[in-house]
Protein backbone atom coordinates (compact mmCIF):
# COMPACT_ATOMS: atom_id res chain seq x y z
CA MET A 1 -16.08 6.84 1.83
CA VAL A 2 -12.89 8.64 3.24
CA HIS A 3 -11.66 5.02 4.33
CA LEU A 4 -11.48 3.89 0.71
CA PHE A 5 -9.12 6.73 0.08
CA ARG A 6 -6.91 5.58 2.65
CA THR A 7 -6.99 1.79 2.26
CA SER A 8 -6.11 2.67 -1.40
CA LEU A 9 -3.15 4.38 -0.46
CA GLY A 10 -2.01 1.24 2.17
CA VAL A 11 -2.60 -0.86 -1.20
CA MET A 12 -0.29 1.29 -3.04
CA ALA A 13 1.99 0.71 -0.04
CA LEU A 14 1.65 -3.25 0.16
CA ALA A 15 1.19 -4.16 -3.17
CA ALA A 16 3.13 -1.70 -5.27
CA ALA A 17 6.15 -0.40 -3.39
CA THR A 18 7.03 -3.59 -2.20
CA VAL A 19 8.73 -3.96 -4.98
CA GLY A 20 10.37 -0.84 -4.07
CA THR A 21 12.70 -1.73 -1.52
CA GLY A 22 16.01 -3.28 -3.12
CA GLY A 23 18.02 -0.51 -2.58
CA VAL A 24 17.79 -1.36 1.16
CA ALA A 25 17.43 -5.42 1.14
CA THR A 26 19.07 -6.05 -2.41
CA ALA A 27 21.62 -8.31 -0.50
CA ALA A 28 18.98 -10.40 1.50
CA ASN A 29 15.99 -10.38 -0.96
CA GLY A 30 17.66 -10.08 -4.67
CA PRO A 31 16.02 -8.36 -7.29
CA PHE A 32 12.98 -7.07 -7.18
CA LEU A 33 10.09 -6.87 -10.20
CA ALA A 34 9.42 -3.82 -11.83
CA HIS A 35 5.87 -4.78 -13.04
CA GLN A 36 2.41 -3.51 -13.72
CA ALA A 37 -0.53 -5.12 -12.19
CA LEU A 38 -4.10 -5.17 -12.32
CA TYR A 39 -6.55 -5.78 -9.36
CA ASP A 40 -10.12 -6.45 -9.84
CA LEU A 41 -12.75 -5.40 -6.75
CA SER A 42 -15.74 -6.94 -5.80
CA LEU A 43 -17.38 -6.86 -2.03
CA VAL A 44 -16.81 -10.49 0.21
CA LYS A 45 -19.21 -9.13 3.19
CA SER A 46 -21.18 -6.09 4.37
CA ARG A 47 -20.93 -6.71 8.12
CA SER A 48 -23.78 -3.33 8.81
CA ASN A 49 -25.73 -3.96 5.42
CA SER A 50 -24.26 -0.41 4.38
CA VAL A 51 -22.95 -1.62 1.11
CA ASN A 52 -25.30 -4.14 -0.83
CA SER A 53 -22.67 -4.47 -3.93
CA ALA A 54 -18.85 -2.92 -4.84
CA ARG A 55 -16.87 -3.20 -8.14
CA GLY A 56 -13.99 -1.40 -9.20
CA ARG A 57 -10.24 -1.73 -10.20
CA ILE A 58 -6.78 -0.74 -9.26
CA LEU A 59 -3.70 -0.10 -11.56
CA TYR A 60 -0.55 0.00 -10.46
CA ASN A 61 2.84 0.69 -12.49
CA PHE A 62 6.37 0.33 -10.66
CA ALA A 63 9.72 1.23 -12.12
CA GLY A 64 13.02 2.52 -10.63
CA ASN A 65 16.12 1.08 -9.26
CA ALA A 66 18.66 1.39 -5.93
CA CYS A 67 20.41 4.40 -7.62
CA GLU A 68 17.60 6.44 -8.87
CA GLY A 69 14.74 5.60 -6.58
CA TYR A 70 11.88 3.82 -7.10
CA THR A 71 8.63 5.66 -8.39
CA SER A 72 5.10 4.08 -8.47
CA GLU A 73 1.69 5.31 -10.17
CA PHE A 74 -1.66 4.26 -8.76
CA ARG A 75 -5.36 4.52 -9.31
CA GLN A 76 -8.19 2.99 -8.11
CA VAL A 77 -11.92 3.58 -9.22
CA SER A 78 -14.37 2.09 -6.79
CA GLU A 79 -18.60 1.95 -7.04
CA LEU A 80 -20.31 1.29 -3.98
CA ASP A 81 -24.18 1.02 -3.85
CA SER A 82 -25.72 1.13 -0.93
CA GLY A 83 -29.43 0.73 -1.84
CA GLU A 84 -32.33 3.43 -2.71
CA GLY A 85 -30.13 4.23 -5.46
CA LYS A 86 -27.26 5.63 -3.61
CA VAL A 87 -24.39 4.80 -5.69
CA THR A 88 -21.28 6.54 -4.75
CA LEU A 89 -18.20 6.38 -7.44
CA SER A 90 -14.72 7.22 -6.31
CA ASP A 91 -11.64 7.59 -8.06
CA LEU A 92 -7.87 7.73 -6.17
CA ARG A 93 -4.92 8.47 -8.27
CA SER A 94 -1.20 9.09 -6.94
CA ASN A 95 2.22 9.36 -7.91
CA SER A 96 5.31 9.21 -5.85
CA TRP A 97 9.03 8.50 -5.75
CA GLU A 98 11.18 7.42 -2.51
CA ASP A 99 14.93 7.01 -2.44
CA ALA A 100 16.20 3.51 -1.44
CA ALA A 101 17.50 4.68 1.54
CA GLY A 102 13.96 5.94 2.95
CA LYS A 103 15.47 9.20 3.48
CA SER A 104 13.17 11.25 0.66
CA TYR A 105 9.74 10.72 -0.08
CA ARG A 106 7.76 13.05 -2.70
CA PHE A 107 3.57 12.51 -3.87
CA LYS A 108 1.34 13.86 -5.62
CA ILE A 109 -2.38 12.10 -4.57
CA GLU A 110 -6.17 13.23 -6.62
CA THR A 111 -8.97 11.95 -5.08
CA ARG A 112 -12.94 12.41 -6.61
CA MET A 113 -15.99 11.79 -4.90
CA ASN A 114 -18.79 11.65 -7.89
CA GLU A 115 -19.04 14.95 -9.25
CA ALA A 116 -17.51 16.76 -6.64
CA ASP A 117 -14.07 18.88 -7.16
CA ALA A 118 -10.54 16.71 -6.56
CA GLY A 119 -8.94 16.90 -3.61
CA ARG A 120 -5.41 16.93 -3.98
CA VAL A 121 -2.24 16.56 -2.04
CA ASP A 122 0.96 17.31 -2.90
CA GLY A 123 4.11 17.41 -0.60
CA SER A 124 7.52 15.81 0.15
CA ALA A 125 9.45 14.33 3.29
CA GLU A 126 13.13 14.73 3.74
CA ARG A 127 14.93 12.66 7.15
CA ASP A 128 16.99 14.68 8.99
CA GLY A 129 18.75 13.36 11.59
CA ASN A 130 16.07 11.73 14.13
CA HIS A 131 13.37 14.04 12.31
CA ILE A 132 11.05 14.24 9.21
CA ASN A 133 10.75 17.62 7.62
CA VAL A 134 7.66 17.57 5.57
CA LYS A 135 6.80 20.37 3.16
CA LEU A 136 3.07 20.32 1.56
CA LYS A 137 2.19 22.58 -1.16
CA LEU A 138 -1.32 21.17 -1.24
CA PRO A 139 -4.46 21.35 -0.17
CA THR A 140 -2.47 24.56 2.02
CA PRO A 141 1.16 25.20 2.29
CA LYS A 142 2.80 24.23 5.42
CA THR A 143 5.90 22.75 6.68
CA PHE A 144 5.88 20.44 10.12
CA THR A 145 8.48 18.18 11.75
CA LEU A 146 7.70 14.05 12.39
CA ASP A 147 9.23 12.04 14.74
CA GLY A 148 12.31 10.38 13.11
CA SER A 149 10.79 6.95 13.92
CA ILE A 150 8.16 7.16 11.43
CA VAL A 151 9.38 5.43 8.44
CA PHE A 152 8.07 5.79 4.48
CA PRO A 153 5.65 3.47 2.67
CA THR A 154 8.60 1.03 0.92
CA GLU A 155 11.07 0.94 3.93
CA GLN A 156 7.57 -0.14 5.85
CA ILE A 157 7.77 -2.73 3.24
CA GLN A 158 11.39 -3.97 3.78
CA ARG A 159 10.92 -4.14 7.35
CA ILE A 160 7.96 -6.44 6.47
CA ILE A 161 10.08 -8.66 4.36
CA ALA A 162 12.94 -8.73 6.54
CA ALA A 163 11.01 -9.47 9.49
CA ALA A 164 9.09 -12.20 7.42
CA LYS A 165 12.91 -13.86 6.49
CA ASP A 166 13.86 -13.66 10.02
CA GLY A 167 10.97 -15.87 10.72
CA LYS A 168 9.15 -13.21 12.92
CA SER A 169 5.22 -13.09 13.21
CA LEU A 170 4.78 -9.36 14.61
CA LEU A 171 5.96 -5.74 13.21
CA GLU A 172 4.83 -2.66 14.76
CA LEU A 173 5.71 0.51 12.82
CA SER A 174 4.54 4.16 12.81
CA VAL A 175 4.01 4.81 8.81
CA TYR A 176 3.45 8.39 6.71
CA ASP A 177 2.31 8.08 3.21
CA GLY A 178 1.14 11.50 2.54
CA SER A 179 -2.72 10.45 2.70
CA ASP A 180 -5.92 12.38 3.73
CA ASP A 181 -4.88 16.09 3.98
CA GLY A 182 -1.22 14.92 4.16
CA GLN A 183 -0.42 14.82 7.84
CA LYS A 184 -1.64 11.81 9.03
CA VAL A 185 0.48 9.23 10.55
CA TYR A 186 -0.81 5.58 11.28
CA ASN A 187 0.42 3.05 13.49
CA THR A 188 0.22 -0.36 12.00
CA LEU A 189 0.85 -3.86 13.40
CA THR A 190 1.75 -6.74 10.84
CA VAL A 191 0.88 -9.99 11.71
CA ILE A 192 3.36 -12.49 9.14
CA GLY A 193 1.84 -15.77 8.59
CA GLN A 194 4.28 -19.52 8.18
CA PRO A 195 5.80 -19.06 4.63
CA ILE A 196 3.90 -20.63 1.49
CA PRO A 197 6.53 -22.67 -0.56
CA ALA A 198 6.79 -22.45 -4.22
CA ASP A 199 5.52 -25.84 -5.11
CA ARG A 200 2.41 -25.64 -2.70
CA ALA A 201 -1.21 -25.95 -4.67
CA THR A 202 -2.59 -22.66 -4.84
CA SER A 203 -5.76 -20.84 -6.63
CA SER A 204 -3.93 -19.69 -9.80
CA ASP A 205 -4.20 -15.96 -11.04
CA PRO A 206 -1.71 -14.23 -14.02
CA SER A 207 1.08 -14.11 -10.46
CA THR A 208 1.20 -17.46 -10.16
CA ALA A 209 1.72 -18.37 -13.46
CA ASP A 210 4.20 -16.32 -14.57
CA GLU A 211 8.06 -17.60 -15.14
CA HIS A 212 9.34 -15.13 -12.67
CA MET A 213 6.90 -16.55 -10.01
CA LYS A 214 6.77 -19.87 -9.62
CA SER A 215 10.33 -20.27 -7.87
CA LEU A 216 9.29 -18.25 -5.21
CA LYS A 217 7.89 -18.44 -1.90
CA ARG A 218 5.30 -15.74 -0.07
CA TRP A 219 4.15 -15.12 3.37
CA PRO A 220 0.17 -14.40 4.28
CA VAL A 221 0.28 -10.77 5.75
CA THR A 222 -2.19 -8.79 7.62
CA VAL A 223 -1.51 -5.29 8.38
CA SER A 224 -3.94 -2.90 10.23
CA TYR A 225 -3.72 0.98 10.51
CA PHE A 226 -4.43 2.76 13.35
CA ASP A 227 -5.08 6.36 13.68
CA ARG A 228 -2.10 7.31 15.68
CA ASP A 229 -3.91 10.93 16.65
CA ALA A 230 -6.91 9.05 17.95
CA GLN A 231 -4.74 6.43 20.01
CA GLN A 232 -2.68 9.15 21.48
CA LYS A 233 -6.06 11.18 22.40
CA GLU A 234 -8.10 8.34 23.24
CA GLY A 235 -6.69 5.41 23.72
CA GLU A 236 -8.43 3.94 20.47
CA GLN A 237 -7.39 0.42 19.39
CA THR A 238 -9.78 -0.33 16.65
CA PRO A 239 -8.17 -0.47 13.18
CA VAL A 240 -9.21 2.20 10.90
CA TYR A 241 -8.78 -0.25 7.93
CA ALA A 242 -6.95 -3.57 7.51
CA MET A 243 -5.63 -5.53 4.69
CA ALA A 244 -4.57 -9.12 3.60
CA PHE A 245 -2.45 -10.20 1.02
CA GLU A 246 0.15 -12.89 0.29
CA LEU A 247 3.73 -11.34 -0.04
CA TYR A 248 6.11 -12.92 -2.28
CA GLU A 249 9.87 -12.55 -1.58
CA ASN A 250 10.04 -10.34 -4.89
CA GLY A 251 7.61 -8.07 -3.58
CA VAL A 252 4.77 -8.64 -5.50
CA SER A 253 1.52 -8.93 -3.77
CA ARG A 254 -1.67 -11.40 -4.48
CA GLN A 255 -4.93 -12.25 -3.33
CA LEU A 256 -5.81 -8.68 -1.55
CA VAL A 257 -8.68 -8.69 1.13
CA LEU A 258 -9.41 -4.84 2.23
CA ASP A 259 -11.33 -4.50 5.64
CA TYR A 260 -12.93 -1.21 6.17
CA ASN A 261 -14.61 -2.52 9.50
CA ASP A 262 -18.16 -1.91 7.95
CA PHE A 263 -17.66 -3.87 5.06
CA VAL A 264 -14.97 -6.30 3.10
CA ILE A 265 -13.93 -5.97 -0.21
CA SER A 266 -11.32 -8.43 -2.27
CA GLY A 267 -8.92 -7.20 -5.02
CA ALA A 268 -8.13 -10.71 -7.71
CA MET A 269 -5.17 -9.98 -9.62
CA GLY A 270 -6.56 -9.75 -13.12
CA LYS A 271 -3.40 -8.75 -15.20
CA PHE A 272 0.15 -9.21 -14.27
CA ASP A 273 3.07 -7.95 -16.29
CA VAL A 274 6.65 -7.76 -15.76
CA LYS A 275 8.35 -4.69 -16.99
CA ASP A 276 11.97 -4.47 -18.16
CA SER A 277 14.20 -3.03 -15.58
CA LYS A 278 16.79 -1.00 -15.93
CA PRO A 279 20.07 -1.78 -13.74
CA CYS A 280 21.63 0.03 -11.11
CA ASN A 281 24.85 1.29 -12.70
């Protein structure tokens, strides 16, 4: 179930922070869309029969601009039934801010499992030359340094969009998002498919019906997350989790598929509302 929280943060980055790359990529991509999105979760398959059913929702809010930076509010509530009366209810809440240049990142994350006390992570990261300085307040006060080649979530997505527009099919990045205990770094492999034209028929959802989206192309994208420490110590190549989705050129994502290895969950967009966006002065 810990993987559920990790993947939730990945979804936050990929279904949400994608709209927060405008400061880096405005010239290439045009304005990104501030919005609220609701995704309904359901079980696709269970490879090990460890999960009989799953349901839940992801609610995401995004706001900001290239001058003030970008804020996101994210919540995922999930219920997994493992059979014989074993039901696990998980609740993840996250608030984050990242500046448009990918230099500063602040995050607060709260995870709760059933009736257990919530686990909390609270910290910030600042890029300083060839290093990233991280300061954690929770779960325990700590400071440490990361390699400057590591990127934060919005820069990760900015690079995926740029790679897609350049016709590239593969992208490797190391990413820090503050998940787990605030000290985890993931190596990621992104596979980008051929662009889907705006006029190609597709299964409908609230995003495809919105006037802001009808003229936009999108790409099928799959991102696999690997534990960087496990790779260094053991040469482990099995991803901790992977997610697939369709990424619009304005940053909105649809048709989420979350692969936890043992089981797979889909996230269908159930609601999509465009929000008023404050221009960057």
